[in-house]
Amino acid sequence: MQLYRELLALGYTGGYHVVHRYVVTNRKGIAVPARSVTPRPRDITSWIMRPQESPNTADVAQLDAVRSACPEIAQACDLAREFTDMLRQRRGRLPRDWIQKAELGGNVPGRPSR
């Protein structure tokens, strides 16, 4: 009951029986661990490719979390956004530099990495 009261104070809106059932199964050692929510690759791609001028706060937060968790996704995100900006702004002279940067994992010789 004490745990339930503490959870209510933190904003929990579920019922007592849910907490009680979890505590009982946890004490018996049979509680099922909470599954982590992993975003689908399709969702991550849509967050990366969405124009930065019209950000969705929830999507930005989720993409930031994914970028923090995985440096490779952060590099891919940066490269994809650079490529998209290059196409949208019709800067056709830059593909060679971008290709070199992509081949080097996001780093251009002579320039510090991000």
Protein backbone atom coordinates (compact mmCIF):
# COMPACT_ATOMS: atom_id res chain seq x y z
CA MET A 1 0.00 0.00 0.00
CA GLN A 2 2.90 2.33 0.81
CA LEU A 3 4.39 1.86 -2.66
CA TYR A 4 1.00 2.54 -4.22
CA ARG A 5 0.68 5.80 -2.26
CA GLU A 6 4.16 6.87 -3.35
CA LEU A 7 3.33 6.10 -6.96
CA LEU A 8 0.12 8.11 -6.73
CA ALA A 9 2.11 11.07 -5.42
CA LEU A 10 4.34 10.78 -8.51
CA GLY A 11 1.35 10.90 -10.85
CA TYR A 12 0.54 7.20 -11.29
CA THR A 13 -3.06 6.83 -12.46
CA GLY A 14 -3.39 3.05 -12.38
CA GLY A 15 -5.19 0.98 -9.81
CA TYR A 16 -3.93 -0.56 -6.58
CA HIS A 17 -4.45 -4.11 -7.85
CA VAL A 18 -1.93 -3.59 -10.66
CA VAL A 19 0.75 -2.46 -8.22
CA HIS A 20 -0.11 -5.24 -5.77
CA ARG A 21 0.06 -7.91 -8.48
CA TYR A 22 3.44 -6.61 -9.63
CA VAL A 23 4.86 -6.58 -6.08
CA VAL A 24 3.66 -10.14 -5.44
CA THR A 25 5.16 -11.49 -8.69
CA ASN A 26 8.37 -9.55 -8.06
CA ARG A 27 8.72 -11.05 -4.58
CA LYS A 28 8.20 -14.53 -6.00
CA GLY A 29 10.86 -13.82 -8.62
CA ILE A 30 8.51 -14.32 -11.55
CA ALA A 31 7.93 -10.70 -12.57
CA VAL A 32 8.26 -10.11 -16.28
CA PRO A 33 10.80 -7.37 -16.94
CA ALA A 34 9.50 -4.28 -18.70
CA ARG A 35 10.25 -4.33 -22.39
CA SER A 36 12.14 -1.41 -23.77
CA VAL A 37 10.51 0.46 -26.60
CA THR A 38 12.78 0.47 -29.62
CA PRO A 39 11.72 2.76 -32.44
CA ARG A 40 11.17 1.15 -35.81
CA PRO A 41 13.74 1.97 -38.52
CA ARG A 42 10.91 3.50 -40.55
CA ASP A 43 10.13 5.94 -37.70
CA ILE A 44 13.78 6.92 -37.29
CA THR A 45 14.05 7.53 -41.03
CA SER A 46 10.96 9.74 -41.04
CA TRP A 47 12.33 11.77 -38.09
CA ILE A 48 15.61 12.29 -39.94
CA MET A 49 14.04 13.24 -43.27
CA ARG A 50 11.35 15.55 -41.89
CA PRO A 51 12.15 19.21 -42.71
CA GLN A 52 13.83 20.91 -39.78
CA GLU A 53 11.81 24.08 -40.35
CA SER A 54 8.65 22.43 -39.01
CA PRO A 55 9.79 20.32 -36.07
CA ASN A 56 7.43 18.12 -34.08
CA THR A 57 8.60 18.40 -30.47
CA ALA A 58 7.96 14.72 -29.67
CA ASP A 59 9.76 13.56 -32.82
CA VAL A 60 12.74 15.83 -32.11
CA ALA A 61 13.02 14.44 -28.58
CA GLN A 62 12.84 10.84 -29.82
CA LEU A 63 15.43 11.46 -32.53
CA ASP A 64 17.73 13.14 -29.99
CA ALA A 65 17.43 10.07 -27.76
CA VAL A 66 18.25 7.73 -30.66
CA ARG A 67 21.20 9.92 -31.72
CA SER A 68 22.55 9.88 -28.16
CA ALA A 69 22.22 6.10 -27.93
CA CYS A 70 23.86 5.36 -31.27
CA PRO A 71 26.71 7.47 -32.73
CA GLU A 72 26.36 5.72 -36.10
CA ILE A 73 22.75 6.90 -36.39
CA ALA A 74 23.88 10.42 -35.45
CA GLN A 75 26.44 10.35 -38.29
CA ALA A 76 23.89 8.95 -40.74
CA CYS A 77 21.42 11.63 -39.67
CA ASP A 78 23.94 14.42 -40.23
CA LEU A 79 24.92 13.05 -43.64
CA ALA A 80 21.30 12.56 -44.74
CA ARG A 81 20.38 16.09 -43.70
CA GLU A 82 23.40 17.57 -45.48
CA PHE A 83 22.48 15.65 -48.63
CA THR A 84 18.85 16.74 -48.42
CA ASP A 85 19.85 20.38 -47.91
CA MET A 86 22.25 20.11 -50.86
CA LEU A 87 19.43 18.87 -53.10
CA ARG A 88 16.82 21.35 -51.85
CA GLN A 89 19.17 24.31 -52.27
CA ARG A 90 20.47 23.00 -55.62
CA ARG A 91 24.12 23.11 -54.60
CA GLY A 92 25.28 20.62 -57.25
CA ARG A 93 28.96 21.41 -56.83
CA LEU A 94 29.08 19.87 -53.36
CA PRO A 95 28.34 16.16 -54.02
CA ARG A 96 32.02 15.26 -54.37
CA ASP A 97 32.81 16.71 -50.92
CA TRP A 98 29.73 15.04 -49.46
CA ILE A 99 30.65 11.66 -50.99
CA GLN A 100 34.16 11.91 -49.56
CA LYS A 101 32.74 12.80 -46.16
CA ALA A 102 30.27 9.89 -46.31
CA GLU A 103 33.03 7.45 -47.27
CA LEU A 104 35.11 8.63 -44.31
CA GLY A 105 32.29 8.10 -41.83
CA GLY A 106 31.23 11.73 -41.61
CA ASN A 107 34.72 13.22 -41.31
CA VAL A 108 36.52 15.30 -43.93
CA PRO A 109 40.32 15.35 -43.81
CA GLY A 110 41.61 18.63 -42.44
CA ARG A 111 38.34 19.43 -40.65
CA PRO A 112 37.58 18.53 -37.07
CA SER A 113 34.79 15.97 -36.62
CA ARG A 114 31.54 17.03 -35.02
